[in-house]
């Protein structure tokens, strides 16, 4: 059972559970510093799968970056190390 102040490590950040007397919700720190209110089952499932917990903003940035990387890969223009510009620039 998770207690207040439990620390979870995953990916690039450390998540500290903040007990706010809520039965079905958990509050965690996003790597960007935001406090995120997540459903308890979603929280536990992400931890079991070893995936990062993130706020909506960080999630959107990650998904956008992944889409750009996939588009670059399938269009035949590989991105540089930062993933920002194709090699042709």
N, C-alpha and C. Protein backbone atom coordinates (compact mmCIF):
# COMPACT_ATOMS: atom_id res chain seq x y z
N UNK A 1 0.83 -1.18 0.00
CA UNK A 1 0.00 0.00 0.00
C UNK A 1 0.88 1.24 0.00
N UNK A 2 0.51 2.24 -0.75
CA UNK A 2 1.30 3.46 -0.85
C UNK A 2 1.00 4.39 0.32
N UNK A 3 2.03 4.94 0.89
CA UNK A 3 1.89 5.86 2.01
C UNK A 3 2.27 7.26 1.56
N UNK A 4 1.83 8.25 2.33
CA UNK A 4 2.19 9.63 2.02
C UNK A 4 3.70 9.79 2.08
N UNK A 5 4.25 10.42 1.08
CA UNK A 5 5.68 10.65 1.05
C UNK A 5 6.47 9.56 0.35
N UNK A 6 5.79 8.51 -0.17
CA UNK A 6 6.49 7.47 -0.92
C UNK A 6 7.12 8.09 -2.16
N UNK A 7 8.31 7.65 -2.51
CA UNK A 7 9.01 8.18 -3.67
C UNK A 7 9.13 7.08 -4.71
N UNK A 8 8.80 7.40 -5.95
CA UNK A 8 8.87 6.46 -7.05
C UNK A 8 9.82 7.01 -8.08
N UNK A 9 10.74 6.20 -8.56
CA UNK A 9 11.67 6.62 -9.58
C UNK A 9 11.30 5.95 -10.89
N UNK A 10 11.29 6.74 -11.94
CA UNK A 10 10.97 6.19 -13.25
C UNK A 10 11.37 7.16 -14.33
N UNK A 11 12.01 6.65 -15.36
CA UNK A 11 12.40 7.51 -16.47
C UNK A 11 13.38 8.56 -16.03
N UNK A 12 13.07 9.81 -16.28
CA UNK A 12 13.98 10.91 -16.01
C UNK A 12 13.63 11.67 -14.74
N UNK A 13 12.67 11.21 -14.00
CA UNK A 13 12.24 12.01 -12.85
C UNK A 13 11.90 11.13 -11.68
N UNK A 14 11.75 11.75 -10.57
CA UNK A 14 11.36 11.09 -9.33
C UNK A 14 9.97 11.62 -8.98
N UNK A 15 9.07 10.74 -8.64
CA UNK A 15 7.71 11.15 -8.34
C UNK A 15 7.43 10.93 -6.87
N UNK A 16 6.96 11.94 -6.21
CA UNK A 16 6.62 11.84 -4.80
C UNK A 16 5.10 11.90 -4.68
N UNK A 17 4.55 10.91 -4.03
CA UNK A 17 3.11 10.86 -3.82
C UNK A 17 2.72 11.86 -2.74
N UNK A 18 1.78 12.74 -3.06
CA UNK A 18 1.29 13.72 -2.10
C UNK A 18 -0.09 13.29 -1.64
N UNK A 19 -0.24 12.96 -0.38
CA UNK A 19 -1.52 12.50 0.14
C UNK A 19 -2.44 13.69 0.37
N UNK A 20 -3.51 13.74 -0.40
CA UNK A 20 -4.48 14.84 -0.30
C UNK A 20 -5.85 14.31 0.14
N UNK A 21 -5.87 13.20 0.86
CA UNK A 21 -7.11 12.60 1.36
C UNK A 21 -8.11 12.31 0.24
N UNK A 22 -7.63 11.89 -0.89
CA UNK A 22 -8.50 11.51 -1.99
C UNK A 22 -8.36 10.01 -2.22
N UNK A 23 -9.48 9.34 -2.34
CA UNK A 23 -9.48 7.88 -2.47
C UNK A 23 -9.09 7.45 -3.88
N UNK A 24 -9.58 8.12 -4.90
CA UNK A 24 -9.37 7.63 -6.26
C UNK A 24 -8.33 8.43 -7.05
N UNK A 25 -7.73 9.46 -6.48
CA UNK A 25 -6.79 10.30 -7.20
C UNK A 25 -5.44 10.33 -6.50
N UNK A 26 -4.39 10.49 -7.29
CA UNK A 26 -3.02 10.64 -6.78
C UNK A 26 -2.44 11.91 -7.36
N UNK A 27 -1.63 12.59 -6.58
CA UNK A 27 -0.92 13.78 -7.05
C UNK A 27 0.55 13.44 -7.13
N UNK A 28 1.16 13.74 -8.29
CA UNK A 28 2.58 13.47 -8.51
C UNK A 28 3.23 14.69 -9.13
N UNK A 29 4.56 14.77 -9.00
CA UNK A 29 5.32 15.82 -9.66
C UNK A 29 5.67 15.37 -11.07
N UNK A 30 5.41 16.23 -12.04
CA UNK A 30 5.85 16.01 -13.40
C UNK A 30 7.32 16.41 -13.48
N UNK A 31 8.08 15.86 -14.42
CA UNK A 31 9.48 16.27 -14.56
C UNK A 31 9.66 17.77 -14.76
N UNK A 32 8.65 18.48 -15.29
CA UNK A 32 8.77 19.92 -15.49
C UNK A 32 8.49 20.70 -14.21
N UNK A 33 8.03 20.03 -13.15
CA UNK A 33 7.77 20.69 -11.88
C UNK A 33 6.31 20.88 -11.56
N UNK A 34 5.42 20.58 -12.50
CA UNK A 34 3.98 20.72 -12.26
C UNK A 34 3.49 19.58 -11.36
N UNK A 35 2.48 19.87 -10.58
CA UNK A 35 1.82 18.83 -9.79
C UNK A 35 0.64 18.35 -10.60
N UNK A 36 0.59 17.04 -10.84
CA UNK A 36 -0.43 16.44 -11.70
C UNK A 36 -1.36 15.59 -10.85
N UNK A 37 -2.66 15.73 -11.07
CA UNK A 37 -3.67 14.94 -10.38
C UNK A 37 -4.08 13.80 -11.30
N UNK A 38 -3.71 12.56 -10.94
CA UNK A 38 -3.96 11.39 -11.79
C UNK A 38 -4.88 10.40 -11.09
N UNK A 39 -5.64 9.68 -11.91
CA UNK A 39 -6.47 8.60 -11.41
C UNK A 39 -5.57 7.53 -10.81
N UNK A 40 -5.97 6.97 -9.67
CA UNK A 40 -5.15 5.99 -8.95
C UNK A 40 -4.82 4.77 -9.83
N UNK A 41 -5.78 4.25 -10.57
CA UNK A 41 -5.52 3.07 -11.39
C UNK A 41 -4.56 3.41 -12.53
N UNK A 42 -4.71 4.58 -13.14
CA UNK A 42 -3.80 5.03 -14.19
C UNK A 42 -2.38 5.18 -13.64
N UNK A 43 -2.27 5.79 -12.46
CA UNK A 43 -0.98 5.98 -11.78
C UNK A 43 -0.28 4.65 -11.56
N UNK A 44 -0.98 3.69 -10.99
CA UNK A 44 -0.38 2.39 -10.68
C UNK A 44 -0.05 1.61 -11.95
N UNK A 45 -0.91 1.69 -12.98
CA UNK A 45 -0.65 0.99 -14.23
C UNK A 45 0.60 1.53 -14.92
N UNK A 46 0.77 2.85 -14.94
CA UNK A 46 1.95 3.45 -15.56
C UNK A 46 3.23 3.03 -14.82
N UNK A 47 3.17 2.96 -13.49
CA UNK A 47 4.33 2.53 -12.71
C UNK A 47 4.68 1.07 -12.99
N UNK A 48 3.66 0.22 -13.07
CA UNK A 48 3.89 -1.20 -13.35
C UNK A 48 4.53 -1.37 -14.72
N UNK A 49 4.08 -0.59 -15.71
CA UNK A 49 4.62 -0.68 -17.06
C UNK A 49 5.97 0.01 -17.21
N UNK A 50 6.39 0.75 -16.18
CA UNK A 50 7.68 1.44 -16.23
C UNK A 50 7.66 2.69 -17.08
N UNK A 51 6.50 3.27 -17.28
CA UNK A 51 6.37 4.46 -18.11
C UNK A 51 6.39 5.72 -17.24
N UNK A 52 6.77 6.83 -17.86
CA UNK A 52 6.82 8.11 -17.14
C UNK A 52 5.43 8.65 -16.87
N UNK A 53 5.30 9.34 -15.76
CA UNK A 53 4.09 10.08 -15.45
C UNK A 53 4.37 11.53 -15.81
N UNK A 54 3.46 12.16 -16.54
CA UNK A 54 3.73 13.51 -17.03
C UNK A 54 2.46 14.33 -17.10
N UNK A 55 2.64 15.65 -17.09
CA UNK A 55 1.50 16.56 -17.20
C UNK A 55 1.04 16.61 -18.66
N UNK A 56 -0.08 17.25 -18.90
CA UNK A 56 -0.64 17.33 -20.25
C UNK A 56 0.33 18.06 -21.19
N UNK A 57 0.95 19.12 -20.71
CA UNK A 57 1.88 19.89 -21.54
C UNK A 57 3.07 19.04 -21.97
N UNK A 58 3.71 18.35 -21.03
CA UNK A 58 4.86 17.50 -21.35
C UNK A 58 4.44 16.34 -22.25
N UNK A 59 3.25 15.80 -22.02
CA UNK A 59 2.75 14.70 -22.86
C UNK A 59 2.58 15.17 -24.29
N UNK A 60 2.00 16.36 -24.48
CA UNK A 60 1.79 16.89 -25.82
C UNK A 60 3.12 17.15 -26.54
N UNK A 61 4.11 17.67 -25.81
CA UNK A 61 5.43 17.90 -26.39
C UNK A 61 6.06 16.57 -26.81
N UNK A 62 5.97 15.55 -25.94
CA UNK A 62 6.54 14.24 -26.25
C UNK A 62 5.87 13.63 -27.48
N UNK A 63 4.56 13.67 -27.54
CA UNK A 63 3.83 13.10 -28.67
C UNK A 63 4.17 13.84 -29.96
N UNK A 64 4.24 15.16 -29.90
CA UNK A 64 4.60 15.95 -31.07
C UNK A 64 6.00 15.59 -31.56
N UNK A 65 6.95 15.45 -30.64
CA UNK A 65 8.31 15.07 -31.00
C UNK A 65 8.34 13.68 -31.64
N UNK A 66 7.58 12.73 -31.07
CA UNK A 66 7.54 11.38 -31.62
C UNK A 66 6.92 11.36 -33.02
N UNK A 67 5.88 12.14 -33.24
CA UNK A 67 5.25 12.22 -34.55
C UNK A 67 6.22 12.80 -35.57
N UNK A 68 6.94 13.88 -35.17
CA UNK A 68 7.93 14.48 -36.07
C UNK A 68 9.04 13.50 -36.41
N UNK A 69 9.49 12.72 -35.42
CA UNK A 69 10.54 11.73 -35.66
C UNK A 69 10.05 10.64 -36.61
N UNK A 70 8.82 10.18 -36.43
CA UNK A 70 8.26 9.15 -37.32
C UNK A 70 8.09 9.69 -38.74
N UNK A 71 7.58 10.92 -38.85
CA UNK A 71 7.43 11.53 -40.18
C UNK A 71 8.78 11.67 -40.87
N UNK A 72 9.78 12.11 -40.13
CA UNK A 72 11.12 12.27 -40.71
C UNK A 72 11.67 10.91 -41.15
N UNK A 73 11.44 9.90 -40.34
CA UNK A 73 11.93 8.56 -40.67
C UNK A 73 11.28 8.02 -41.94
N UNK A 74 9.97 8.13 -42.04
CA UNK A 74 9.26 7.56 -43.19
C UNK A 74 9.30 8.44 -44.42
N UNK A 75 9.63 9.73 -44.25
CA UNK A 75 9.81 10.61 -45.40
C UNK A 75 11.22 10.50 -45.96
N UNK A 76 12.09 9.81 -45.24
CA UNK A 76 13.46 9.64 -45.71
C UNK A 76 14.41 10.73 -45.29
N UNK A 77 13.96 11.65 -44.45
CA UNK A 77 14.85 12.71 -43.95
C UNK A 77 15.06 12.48 -42.47
N UNK A 78 16.20 11.91 -42.13
CA UNK A 78 16.50 11.65 -40.73
C UNK A 78 16.82 12.97 -40.03
N UNK A 79 16.44 13.09 -38.78
CA UNK A 79 16.69 14.30 -38.00
C UNK A 79 18.06 14.22 -37.36
N UNK A 80 18.58 15.39 -36.93
CA UNK A 80 19.88 15.41 -36.25
C UNK A 80 19.70 14.95 -34.81
N UNK A 81 20.74 15.07 -33.99
CA UNK A 81 20.71 14.57 -32.63
C UNK A 81 19.60 15.18 -31.79
N UNK A 82 19.33 16.49 -32.01
CA UNK A 82 18.29 17.18 -31.24
C UNK A 82 16.91 16.82 -31.73
N UNK A 83 16.82 16.30 -32.94
CA UNK A 83 15.52 15.97 -33.50
C UNK A 83 14.75 17.18 -33.98
N UNK A 84 15.46 18.32 -34.13
CA UNK A 84 14.76 19.54 -34.49
C UNK A 84 14.80 19.84 -35.98
N UNK A 85 15.94 19.54 -36.62
CA UNK A 85 16.09 19.89 -38.02
C UNK A 85 16.52 18.69 -38.84
N UNK A 86 16.01 18.55 -40.05
CA UNK A 86 16.48 17.47 -40.91
C UNK A 86 17.94 17.72 -41.31
N UNK A 87 18.61 16.68 -41.75
CA UNK A 87 20.02 16.78 -42.12
C UNK A 87 20.26 17.71 -43.30
N UNK A 88 19.26 17.95 -44.13
CA UNK A 88 19.43 18.76 -45.32
C UNK A 88 19.64 20.24 -45.02
N UNK A 89 19.40 20.67 -43.79
CA UNK A 89 19.58 22.09 -43.44
C UNK A 89 21.00 22.42 -43.17
